[in-house]
Protein backbone atom coordinates (compact mmCIF):
# COMPACT_ATOMS: atom_id res chain seq x y z
CA MET A 1 -15.21 -8.00 -14.01
CA LYS A 2 -16.22 -10.44 -11.32
CA THR A 3 -18.00 -9.08 -8.13
CA LEU A 4 -16.39 -9.58 -4.96
CA VAL A 5 -17.88 -8.80 -1.82
CA SER A 6 -17.28 -9.01 2.07
CA CYS A 7 -18.37 -11.89 4.27
CA ALA A 8 -20.82 -9.38 5.84
CA GLN A 9 -22.65 -8.86 2.54
CA ALA A 10 -22.25 -12.43 1.95
CA ALA A 11 -24.42 -12.61 4.75
CA ARG A 12 -26.98 -10.71 3.92
CA LEU A 13 -27.46 -12.04 0.25
CA ASP A 14 -27.74 -15.42 2.10
CA ARG A 15 -30.74 -13.85 4.18
CA ASP A 16 -32.03 -11.96 1.70
CA VAL A 17 -32.33 -14.79 -0.94
CA GLN A 18 -33.81 -17.07 1.46
CA GLU A 19 -36.85 -14.26 2.40
CA GLY A 20 -37.28 -12.95 -0.81
CA ALA A 21 -37.60 -16.82 -2.24
CA GLY A 22 -39.26 -18.37 0.47
CA LEU A 23 -36.77 -20.92 0.66
CA PRO A 24 -35.71 -22.52 3.94
CA PRO A 25 -32.07 -22.53 4.93
CA LEU A 26 -31.86 -26.17 5.00
CA LEU A 27 -32.80 -26.27 1.06
CA LEU A 28 -30.35 -23.42 0.46
CA MET A 29 -27.52 -25.21 1.94
CA GLU A 30 -28.86 -28.60 0.09
CA ASP A 31 -28.01 -26.77 -2.96
CA ALA A 32 -24.84 -25.24 -2.20
CA SER A 33 -23.33 -28.69 -0.68
CA LEU A 34 -24.07 -30.28 -3.84
CA ARG A 35 -22.41 -27.99 -6.22
CA LEU A 36 -19.37 -27.84 -3.59
CA TRP A 37 -19.35 -31.73 -3.92
CA ASP A 38 -19.62 -31.51 -7.76
CA ALA A 39 -16.23 -29.29 -7.35
CA LEU A 40 -14.76 -31.30 -5.09
CA ARG A 41 -14.92 -34.40 -7.34
CA SER A 42 -14.00 -32.36 -10.19
CA LEU A 43 -10.33 -31.60 -8.35
CA GLU A 44 -7.18 -33.20 -9.92
CA ALA A 45 -6.28 -34.93 -6.79
CA GLY A 46 -7.77 -37.99 -8.37
CA ILE A 47 -10.50 -38.22 -5.69
CA ASP A 48 -12.22 -41.93 -6.10
CA ARG A 49 -14.58 -43.97 -4.14
CA GLY A 50 -11.41 -45.35 -1.81
CA THR A 51 -10.80 -41.91 -1.12
CA ARG A 52 -10.52 -41.24 3.36
CA LEU A 53 -12.07 -37.80 3.36
CA THR A 54 -12.65 -36.19 6.65
CA ALA A 55 -14.65 -32.81 7.26
CA LEU A 56 -13.41 -30.55 9.90
CA CYS A 57 -15.75 -28.89 11.42
CA GLY A 58 -16.78 -26.08 13.76
CA SER A 59 -20.77 -25.12 14.63
CA GLY A 60 -21.46 -22.76 12.04
CA ASN A 61 -22.90 -23.27 8.52
CA ASN A 62 -19.58 -23.94 6.75
CA ALA A 63 -19.79 -27.09 8.72
CA GLY A 64 -22.94 -27.68 7.86
CA ASP A 65 -21.99 -27.09 4.39
CA ALA A 66 -19.06 -29.92 5.13
CA LEU A 67 -21.06 -32.56 6.78
CA ALA A 68 -23.47 -32.36 3.73
CA VAL A 69 -20.66 -32.93 1.30
CA LEU A 70 -19.92 -36.16 3.32
CA ARG A 71 -23.47 -37.20 2.74
CA HIS A 72 -23.12 -36.62 -1.08
CA ALA A 73 -19.66 -38.93 -0.70
CA ARG A 74 -21.73 -41.59 0.69
CA PHE A 75 -24.63 -41.61 -1.84
CA ALA A 76 -22.25 -41.58 -4.19
CA GLY A 77 -20.38 -44.79 -2.65
CA PHE A 78 -17.67 -43.48 -0.87
CA GLU A 79 -16.58 -45.39 1.85
CA ASN A 80 -13.95 -43.82 3.81
CA LEU A 81 -15.76 -40.93 5.33
CA ALA A 82 -15.52 -39.31 8.84
CA ALA A 83 -16.14 -35.97 10.54
CA ILE A 84 -14.61 -34.21 13.59
CA LEU A 85 -16.49 -31.90 15.46
CA ALA A 86 -14.49 -28.99 17.20
CA SER A 87 -17.58 -27.79 19.28
CA SER A 88 -19.50 -29.34 21.48
CA LYS A 89 -22.82 -26.99 20.65
CA PRO A 90 -23.14 -26.76 16.76
CA GLY A 91 -25.57 -24.58 14.91
CA GLU A 92 -29.25 -25.26 13.97
CA LEU A 93 -28.00 -26.18 10.07
CA ALA A 94 -24.71 -27.85 11.14
CA LEU A 95 -26.74 -30.20 13.72
CA ALA A 96 -29.53 -31.25 11.64
CA GLN A 97 -26.30 -32.19 9.00
CA LEU A 98 -25.07 -34.43 11.90
CA GLY A 99 -28.25 -36.28 12.22
CA TYR A 100 -28.05 -37.39 8.89
CA LEU A 101 -24.57 -38.46 8.78
CA LYS A 102 -25.30 -40.46 12.14
CA ALA A 103 -28.23 -42.17 10.27
CA LEU A 104 -25.71 -43.29 7.84
CA GLY A 105 -23.22 -44.93 9.97
CA ILE A 106 -20.37 -42.20 9.10
CA ALA A 107 -18.10 -41.90 12.01
CA VAL A 108 -18.31 -38.39 14.01
CA PHE A 109 -15.62 -37.76 16.17
CA SER A 110 -15.45 -35.20 19.01
CA TRP A 111 -11.76 -33.20 19.22
CA GLU A 112 -12.99 -31.99 22.80
CA THR A 113 -13.27 -35.17 24.33
CA ASP A 114 -11.21 -37.84 22.11
CA PRO A 115 -8.34 -35.54 20.43
CA GLU A 116 -6.07 -38.50 20.04
CA ALA A 117 -8.41 -40.51 17.95
CA CYS A 118 -8.82 -37.28 15.85
CA ARG A 119 -5.32 -37.10 15.35
CA SER A 120 -4.54 -40.34 14.56
CA LEU A 121 -7.55 -39.63 11.87
CA ILE A 122 -6.23 -36.65 10.33
CA GLU A 123 -3.12 -38.29 9.81
CA ARG A 124 -4.31 -41.33 7.86
CA SER A 125 -6.73 -38.92 6.26
CA ALA A 126 -6.16 -38.54 2.10
CA ILE A 127 -8.45 -35.12 2.08
CA LEU A 128 -9.14 -32.79 4.92
CA LEU A 129 -12.55 -30.88 4.22
CA ASP A 130 -12.12 -27.57 6.28
CA GLY A 131 -15.46 -26.15 7.31
CA ILE A 132 -14.04 -24.89 10.83
CA ALA A 133 -14.54 -21.43 10.76
CA GLY A 134 -16.28 -19.58 7.90
CA THR A 135 -17.84 -16.25 6.90
CA GLY A 136 -19.36 -15.68 10.42
CA LEU A 137 -16.23 -15.09 11.87
CA HIS A 138 -15.59 -12.07 14.46
CA GLY A 139 -12.19 -11.43 15.72
CA PRO A 140 -9.47 -13.98 16.79
CA VAL A 141 -10.63 -17.79 16.23
CA ARG A 142 -11.49 -19.48 19.23
CA GLU A 143 -9.10 -21.50 20.96
CA ASN A 144 -10.98 -25.24 19.95
CA LEU A 145 -10.97 -24.18 16.91
CA ALA A 146 -7.34 -23.13 16.78
CA SER A 147 -5.98 -26.25 18.44
CA LEU A 148 -7.64 -28.48 15.73
CA MET A 149 -6.27 -25.89 12.66
CA ARG A 150 -3.00 -26.13 14.06
CA VAL A 151 -2.94 -29.71 13.86
CA ALA A 152 -4.68 -30.18 10.46
CA GLY A 153 -1.94 -27.39 9.46
CA ASP A 154 0.90 -29.39 10.24
CA SER A 155 -0.23 -32.87 9.32
CA GLY A 156 0.90 -31.82 5.90
CA ARG A 157 -2.42 -33.15 4.70
CA PRO A 158 -4.11 -31.59 1.43
CA VAL A 159 -6.51 -29.53 2.64
CA VAL A 160 -9.74 -28.23 0.78
CA ALA A 161 -11.61 -24.84 2.08
CA VAL A 162 -15.35 -24.92 1.70
CA ASP A 163 -16.17 -21.11 0.48
CA ILE A 164 -12.85 -19.53 2.40
CA PRO A 165 -10.00 -21.08 4.52
CA SER A 166 -10.84 -21.07 8.14
CA GLY A 167 -9.91 -17.66 9.83
CA VAL A 168 -9.88 -15.78 6.89
CA SER A 169 -12.14 -12.81 7.36
CA ASP A 170 -13.40 -8.83 6.80
CA GLU A 171 -10.98 -8.25 10.02
CA CYS A 172 -7.79 -10.16 8.90
CA GLY A 173 -4.61 -8.70 10.39
CA PRO A 174 -1.02 -9.90 10.65
CA ASP A 175 -1.50 -12.21 13.38
CA SER A 176 -4.62 -13.74 12.15
CA LEU A 177 -4.31 -17.41 12.08
CA ILE A 178 -5.06 -19.17 9.20
CA LEU A 179 -5.45 -22.85 8.00
CA SER A 180 -3.89 -23.26 4.73
CA ALA A 181 -5.49 -24.63 1.71
CA ARG A 182 -4.36 -26.53 -1.33
CA TRP A 183 -7.93 -25.82 -2.55
CA THR A 184 -10.45 -23.35 -1.87
CA LEU A 185 -14.17 -24.16 -3.38
CA ALA A 186 -15.15 -20.59 -3.19
CA ILE A 187 -18.80 -19.99 -3.46
CA GLU A 188 -19.76 -16.89 -5.85
CA PRO A 189 -19.94 -13.92 -5.20
CA ARG A 190 -16.14 -14.49 -3.84
CA LYS A 191 -14.92 -12.64 -0.40
CA SER A 192 -12.91 -9.79 -1.13
CA ALA A 193 -10.62 -10.87 2.01
CA LEU A 194 -9.39 -13.92 -0.11
CA TYR A 195 -7.37 -11.67 -2.05
CA PHE A 196 -5.56 -9.81 0.72
CA PRO A 197 -2.00 -10.12 -0.48
CA ALA A 198 -1.17 -11.65 3.06
CA VAL A 199 -4.17 -14.20 2.74
CA ARG A 200 -4.03 -14.95 -0.86
CA PRO A 201 -1.14 -17.70 -0.42
CA PHE A 202 -3.46 -19.84 2.05
CA CYS A 203 -6.00 -20.33 -0.33
CA GLY A 204 -4.23 -22.15 -2.69
CA ALA A 205 -6.05 -23.42 -6.19
CA ILE A 206 -9.46 -20.85 -5.86
CA LEU A 207 -11.95 -22.55 -7.72
CA PRO A 208 -15.23 -20.64 -8.05
CA VAL A 209 -18.64 -22.12 -7.02
CA GLY A 210 -21.41 -21.13 -9.07
CA GLY A 211 -24.90 -21.13 -9.71
CA ILE A 212 -26.11 -20.95 -5.70
CA PHE A 213 -27.52 -17.23 -5.32
CA PRO A 214 -29.06 -15.44 -8.42
CA GLU A 215 -26.48 -13.14 -9.87
CA ASP A 216 -29.09 -10.56 -9.87
CA ASP A 217 -29.24 -10.33 -6.48
CA TYR A 218 -25.31 -9.95 -5.83
CA PRO A 219 -24.88 -6.37 -4.39
CA ALA A 220 -23.19 -3.69 -5.82
CA PRO A 221 -19.51 -5.13 -5.83
CA ALA A 222 -17.19 -3.64 -2.87
CA VAL A 223 -14.47 -4.80 -5.25
CA GLU A 224 -14.07 -5.72 -8.72
CA LEU A 225 -11.89 -8.73 -9.25
CA LEU A 226 -10.18 -7.62 -12.66
CA GLU A 227 -9.79 -10.29 -15.46
CA LYS A 228 -8.23 -10.72 -18.71
CA GLU A 229 -11.31 -9.80 -20.84
CA ASP A 230 -11.52 -6.67 -19.15
CA LEU A 231 -8.95 -4.78 -20.55
CA ARG A 232 -10.48 -3.80 -24.27
CA ARG A 233 -13.68 -2.15 -21.97
CA LEU A 234 -11.32 -0.49 -19.98
CA VAL A 235 -9.33 0.93 -22.50
CA PRO A 236 -10.36 0.91 -25.96
CA PRO A 237 -7.67 1.12 -29.00
CA PRO A 238 -6.43 4.42 -30.75
CA PRO A 239 -8.42 4.71 -33.96
CA ALA A 240 -7.27 3.67 -37.24
CA SER A 241 -6.58 7.26 -38.15
CA ALA A 242 -4.68 7.71 -35.21
CA HIS A 243 -1.18 9.56 -35.35
CA LYS A 244 1.78 10.05 -32.90
CA GLY A 245 0.23 13.43 -31.94
CA THR A 246 -3.31 11.62 -30.77
CA ARG A 247 -2.27 8.40 -29.22
CA GLY A 248 -0.74 10.35 -26.31
CA ARG A 249 1.88 12.70 -25.10
CA VAL A 250 3.81 11.51 -22.05
CA ALA A 251 6.50 13.14 -20.34
CA VAL A 252 9.12 11.84 -18.23
CA PHE A 253 10.67 12.91 -15.09
CA ALA A 254 13.39 9.91 -13.75
CA GLY A 255 16.29 9.07 -13.13
CA SER A 256 19.81 9.75 -11.94
CA ILE A 257 23.66 8.81 -11.74
CA GLY A 258 23.42 4.69 -11.13
CA ALA A 259 19.69 5.22 -11.91
CA THR A 260 19.66 5.45 -15.84
CA GLY A 261 17.82 2.36 -16.41
CA ALA A 262 14.84 3.45 -14.85
CA PRO A 263 14.05 6.25 -17.20
CA ALA A 264 14.90 3.86 -20.29
CA LEU A 265 12.22 1.22 -18.96
CA ALA A 266 9.79 3.78 -18.45
CA SER A 267 9.60 5.59 -21.65
CA GLN A 268 10.25 2.96 -23.99
CA ALA A 269 7.48 0.98 -21.70
CA ALA A 270 4.90 3.95 -22.56
CA LEU A 271 5.68 3.84 -25.89
CA SER A 272 4.81 0.10 -26.46
CA ALA A 273 1.70 1.28 -24.40
CA TRP A 274 0.35 3.13 -27.02
CA ALA A 275 1.53 6.25 -26.34
CA GLY A 276 2.94 8.26 -29.62
CA LEU A 277 5.25 10.72 -28.34
CA VAL A 278 7.47 10.32 -24.99
CA ALA A 279 10.07 12.64 -23.92
CA VAL A 280 12.29 12.09 -20.79
CA PHE A 281 13.29 15.18 -19.00
CA ALA A 282 17.06 14.47 -17.66
CA SER A 283 19.55 16.09 -15.83
CA PRO A 284 22.90 17.06 -17.07
CA ASP A 285 24.62 14.43 -15.19
CA ILE A 286 22.50 11.63 -17.16
CA LEU A 287 21.63 13.57 -20.29
CA PRO A 288 24.62 11.92 -22.06
CA ILE A 289 23.77 8.63 -20.77
CA LEU A 290 20.05 8.49 -21.44
CA SER A 291 20.90 10.05 -25.02
CA ALA A 292 23.02 7.07 -25.53
CA LYS A 293 20.30 4.61 -24.37
CA LEU A 294 17.38 5.68 -26.19
CA ASP A 295 16.45 5.76 -29.89
CA ALA A 296 12.49 6.17 -30.31
CA VAL A 297 11.95 8.10 -27.00
CA MET A 298 13.17 11.82 -27.32
CA VAL A 299 15.77 13.21 -24.38
CA LYS A 300 15.81 16.30 -23.43
CA PRO A 301 17.67 18.61 -20.68
CA GLU A 302 15.04 19.20 -17.53
CA PRO A 303 14.76 23.13 -17.37
CA GLU A 304 16.47 25.04 -14.62
CA ARG A 305 13.50 26.30 -13.21
CA VAL A 306 9.85 24.31 -14.04
CA GLU A 307 6.87 26.48 -14.89
CA ALA A 308 3.14 24.78 -14.78
CA GLU A 309 2.37 26.31 -17.79
CA ASP A 310 4.86 24.68 -19.88
CA TRP A 311 3.58 21.14 -19.11
CA ARG A 312 0.13 21.59 -20.42
CA ARG A 313 0.74 20.20 -23.79
CA TRP A 314 1.14 17.28 -22.64
CA ASP A 315 -1.55 14.37 -21.90
CA ALA A 316 0.23 12.79 -18.71
CA ILE A 317 3.77 13.15 -16.98
CA LEU A 318 5.16 10.29 -15.34
CA LEU A 319 7.89 11.36 -12.21
CA GLY A 320 9.94 9.54 -9.93
CA PRO A 321 11.62 6.19 -11.10
CA GLY A 322 15.46 6.27 -9.97
CA TRP A 323 14.88 10.11 -9.37
CA GLY A 324 16.10 10.96 -6.15
CA ARG A 325 14.26 12.97 -3.57
CA SER A 326 16.22 16.19 -3.38
CA ALA A 327 14.73 19.58 -2.95
CA LYS A 328 15.00 20.42 -6.72
CA ASN A 329 12.81 17.45 -7.38
CA ALA A 330 10.26 18.04 -4.64
CA ASP A 331 10.25 21.92 -6.16
CA THR A 332 9.65 20.12 -9.53
CA LEU A 333 7.08 18.13 -8.92
CA ARG A 334 5.13 20.51 -7.15
CA ARG A 335 4.95 23.07 -9.99
CA ILE A 336 4.33 20.52 -12.67
CA LEU A 337 1.22 18.69 -10.56
CA SER A 338 0.23 22.67 -9.78
CA ALA A 339 -0.41 22.40 -13.69
CA GLY A 340 -3.46 19.96 -13.25
CA ARG A 341 -2.19 17.58 -15.99
CA PRO A 342 -2.73 13.89 -15.45
CA ALA A 343 0.19 12.57 -13.79
CA VAL A 344 1.86 9.25 -12.49
CA LEU A 345 3.85 8.92 -9.28
CA ASP A 346 6.60 6.28 -8.85
CA ALA A 347 9.27 5.63 -6.38
CA ASP A 348 10.93 8.92 -5.09
CA ALA A 349 7.96 11.03 -6.54
CA ILE A 350 5.72 9.28 -4.01
CA GLU A 351 7.75 10.01 -0.92
CA LEU A 352 7.97 13.51 -2.20
CA TYR A 353 4.34 13.80 -2.92
CA GLY A 354 3.70 12.80 0.47
CA SER A 355 5.98 15.51 2.26
CA LEU A 356 3.96 17.94 -0.15
CA VAL A 357 0.85 17.01 1.39
CA ALA A 358 1.86 17.03 4.91
CA GLU A 359 2.47 20.63 3.93
CA GLY A 360 -0.76 21.24 2.51
CA PHE A 361 -0.26 21.24 -1.04
CA VAL A 362 -2.46 18.65 -2.86
CA ALA A 363 -2.39 17.80 -6.66
CA PRO A 364 -5.49 19.54 -8.32
CA GLY A 365 -5.43 17.13 -11.47
CA PRO A 366 -5.74 13.05 -12.20
CA LEU A 367 -3.16 11.70 -10.07
CA VAL A 368 -1.96 8.13 -9.82
CA LEU A 369 0.17 6.54 -7.61
CA THR A 370 1.87 2.99 -8.12
CA PRO A 371 3.88 2.28 -4.62
CA HIS A 372 5.09 -1.07 -3.70
CA ALA A 373 4.36 -2.55 -0.21
CA ALA A 374 6.88 -0.26 1.79
CA GLU A 375 6.53 2.63 0.07
CA PHE A 376 2.42 2.51 0.89
CA ALA A 377 3.22 1.73 4.16
CA ARG A 378 5.56 4.97 4.54
CA LEU A 379 2.66 6.96 2.82
CA ALA A 380 -0.27 5.63 4.91
CA GLY A 381 1.49 5.40 8.30
CA VAL A 382 0.94 1.66 8.98
CA SER A 383 3.15 -1.23 8.69
CA VAL A 384 4.28 -3.24 5.70
CA ASP A 385 2.43 -6.52 7.26
CA GLU A 386 -0.74 -4.32 7.89
CA ALA A 387 -1.00 -2.96 4.54
CA LEU A 388 -1.02 -6.77 3.08
CA ALA A 389 -2.97 -8.34 5.60
CA ASN A 390 -5.88 -6.13 5.15
CA PRO A 391 -5.95 -3.44 2.01
CA LEU A 392 -9.33 -2.64 2.54
CA ARG A 393 -8.44 -1.14 6.20
CA VAL A 394 -5.76 0.95 4.71
CA LEU A 395 -6.23 1.55 0.98
CA PRO A 396 -9.34 3.50 0.29
CA GLU A 397 -8.89 6.23 3.49
CA ALA A 398 -5.21 6.79 1.59
CA ALA A 399 -6.77 7.35 -2.08
CA GLU A 400 -8.90 9.75 -0.55
CA LYS A 401 -6.23 11.49 1.56
CA TYR A 402 -3.96 11.95 -1.44
CA ARG A 403 -6.85 12.52 -3.78
CA ALA A 404 -4.79 10.22 -6.24
CA VAL A 405 -5.71 6.52 -7.56
CA ILE A 406 -3.61 4.55 -5.55
CA ALA A 407 -1.97 0.98 -7.01
CA LEU A 408 -0.87 -1.19 -4.37
CA LYS A 409 1.57 -3.35 -6.06
CA SER A 410 1.66 -6.82 -4.64
CA HIS A 411 1.53 -10.40 -6.21
CA CYS A 412 -2.72 -9.44 -5.90
CA THR A 413 -2.41 -5.56 -6.72
CA TRP A 414 -4.72 -3.71 -4.94
CA ILE A 415 -6.23 -0.24 -6.80
CA ALA A 416 -8.45 2.63 -4.77
CA SER A 417 -9.65 5.77 -6.42
CA PRO A 418 -10.54 9.02 -4.15
CA ALA A 419 -14.55 8.32 -5.33
CA GLY A 420 -14.24 4.96 -3.62
CA ARG A 421 -13.66 2.66 -5.91
CA LEU A 422 -11.71 -0.44 -5.50
CA ALA A 423 -10.32 -3.50 -7.81
CA VAL A 424 -8.05 -6.47 -7.28
CA TRP A 425 -5.95 -8.34 -9.84
CA GLU A 426 -4.42 -11.55 -8.69
CA GLY A 427 -1.18 -11.51 -10.15
CA MET A 428 0.55 -14.49 -8.61
CA GLU A 429 3.38 -14.25 -10.76
CA SER A 430 6.75 -14.23 -9.19
CA ALA A 431 8.72 -13.87 -12.34
CA LEU A 432 7.51 -10.29 -12.31
CA ALA A 433 9.30 -9.54 -9.35
CA THR A 434 12.27 -8.46 -10.85
CA ALA A 435 14.08 -5.24 -10.92
CA GLY A 436 12.79 -2.53 -13.24
CA SER A 437 9.24 -4.32 -13.20
CA GLY A 438 7.73 -1.49 -11.28
CA ASP A 439 9.44 1.00 -13.90
CA VAL A 440 7.48 -0.65 -16.93
CA LEU A 441 4.19 -0.43 -14.88
CA ALA A 442 4.53 3.06 -13.94
CA GLY A 443 5.46 3.98 -18.16
CA ALA A 444 2.60 1.97 -19.42
CA THR A 445 0.23 3.56 -16.75
CA ALA A 446 1.22 7.30 -17.81
CA ALA A 447 0.51 6.40 -21.91
CA LEU A 448 -2.91 4.70 -20.87
CA LEU A 449 -3.86 7.65 -18.76
CA ALA A 450 -2.75 10.27 -21.47
CA ALA A 451 -5.06 8.02 -23.64
CA ALA A 452 -7.80 7.87 -21.27
CA GLY A 453 -7.50 11.66 -20.83
CA ARG A 454 -7.49 12.32 -24.46
CA ARG A 455 -10.62 10.07 -25.08
CA SER A 456 -12.22 11.59 -22.26
CA SER A 457 -11.98 15.07 -23.13
CA GLY A 458 -15.67 16.54 -24.25
CA ASP A 459 -16.73 12.80 -24.38
CA THR A 460 -19.87 12.10 -22.30
CA SER A 461 -19.67 8.68 -23.44
CA VAL A 462 -16.82 7.68 -21.61
CA ALA A 463 -16.26 6.41 -18.27
CA SER A 464 -16.47 9.11 -15.57
CA ASP A 465 -12.97 7.56 -13.80
CA PRO A 466 -10.35 7.48 -16.15
CA ALA A 467 -7.76 7.43 -14.26
CA PHE A 468 -9.23 4.18 -12.19
CA ASP A 469 -9.89 2.56 -15.44
CA ALA A 470 -6.40 3.50 -16.86
CA THR A 471 -4.89 2.08 -13.68
CA CYS A 472 -6.97 -0.96 -13.55
CA ALA A 473 -5.79 -1.45 -17.73
CA ALA A 474 -1.98 -0.77 -17.03
CA VAL A 475 -1.79 -3.47 -13.96
CA ILE A 476 -3.82 -5.95 -16.53
CA ALA A 477 -1.31 -5.66 -19.09
CA HIS A 478 1.47 -5.61 -16.96
CA GLY A 479 0.45 -8.75 -15.43
CA LEU A 480 -0.50 -10.71 -18.64
CA ALA A 481 2.66 -9.32 -20.17
CA GLY A 482 4.48 -11.31 -17.14
CA ARG A 483 2.85 -14.42 -17.59
CA GLN A 484 3.39 -14.29 -21.63
CA ALA A 485 7.42 -13.53 -20.66
CA ARG A 486 7.61 -16.00 -18.25
CA SER A 487 6.18 -18.42 -20.72
CA ALA A 488 8.78 -17.52 -23.38
CA HIS A 489 11.77 -16.66 -22.08
CA GLY A 490 11.32 -18.54 -17.99
CA TRP A 491 12.68 -15.87 -15.67
CA PHE A 492 13.49 -12.73 -17.31
CA GLN A 493 15.02 -9.38 -17.04
CA ALA A 494 12.46 -6.22 -17.51
CA PRO A 495 13.22 -5.37 -20.90
CA ALA A 496 11.49 -8.56 -21.49
CA LEU A 497 7.80 -6.90 -20.17
CA ILE A 498 8.12 -3.95 -22.73
CA GLU A 499 7.72 -5.77 -26.02
CA GLU A 500 4.98 -8.65 -24.24
CA ILE A 501 3.24 -5.60 -22.88
CA GLY A 502 2.78 -4.17 -27.12
CA ARG A 503 1.44 -7.55 -27.80
CA THR A 504 -0.88 -7.59 -24.96
CA LEU A 505 -2.37 -4.27 -25.80
CA GLY A 506 -2.82 -5.46 -29.31
CA PRO A 507 -2.62 -3.66 -32.50
CA ALA A 508 -3.15 -0.17 -32.58
CA THR A 509 -6.32 -0.48 -34.50
CA PRO A 510 -9.49 -1.74 -33.42
């Protein structure tokens, strides 16, 4: 797990380190720019002494960093260097760096007074170093900066962003102007805004640049960036002594005519994600179909009337994939959730639960929702664009309102708990965008939730938020399985994920 911070937290960290260590701001910038220069030289772009490198600068500290990088390039023997200033009033640190460049004879152009020369320079450059707007940005980018960003973006020249691409901030919205980068040299701790789903494609390859701020001084994470290595920490595997009754029992309510694949995928994924026993409760019209489809999964008739007490033997209950939104299903959902058992809601059950909450019902037990962007937008009362542009604006509030862990599925999946915990998985795997992929994730989540509930029962040594941890683990396992399936099969269908999830989670013994 890596700590992600807001732009505001990053600014406070900068000030605190300066004050705590008695460091002059210029000295801290020197350290940062040296590490940025090292990262720039390591790019696969093949930068050499003949590379024409142009820094695009605003007035803030990002501009100072970019200008300092040009100075390091000159000292390394690079000659084709230049800077373009979008502001006639650079800040104190940028002004100091500008003086050093002029003393070295590095050309500096003004976007305000000579835009045509700047356009020509941009077109001739091999690399554009983006220092136009940094973490201090509030509100829309000013027009003098925005016009330079548009020209740079339209040029087709490769852009390397200093820390964050210009236009990215804590306040990102659907209409934010962002300069697209091929690489982002992200100073640690990285900014959570880099991983907003609508922002992430503008960042290109995110390359962490560490060693500038002491890790001990990092603030408590606003967001946790999930990594492969977190999987075992979040969900330790079942012990060698486990049997099918102790690995977790999962009940599934899903499927309808024309949508029998959803319960089949979800239930089989639950078995691959450690569940020892899985049963699908199916309506009479699909019972024969599922009975023929499934071998290791029990297929049972859905009861005419569901009673809450009947479901207390199950460690987790999954409802919704391909289920439909009938009044009967709404009543079944309410009755099952009333039992207080851990539950995962996907697809139609999310829509039904939103209606139940609007009527005053809230599930009393641990609850996980796994919506895609459109489902979440309807649940939260926002547009899809708003949800993807800045999950931090809407996701925590929705998790609190619905008293549920919510995994907002996208190429970067954001996870929030009612207690305020936040995590993000940087998926960026287009092969996962296939029909049935979400059903597999829902099944895996239910299985890991069942296992987490069994571990946490009466055990004060385990995490106090098993639903959040199980959801994070399921998202990681699903994401890794997608990468493995892509490597093995190329473009794949959802059943390929089920086997890969089993491999990802590993053997049942530690």
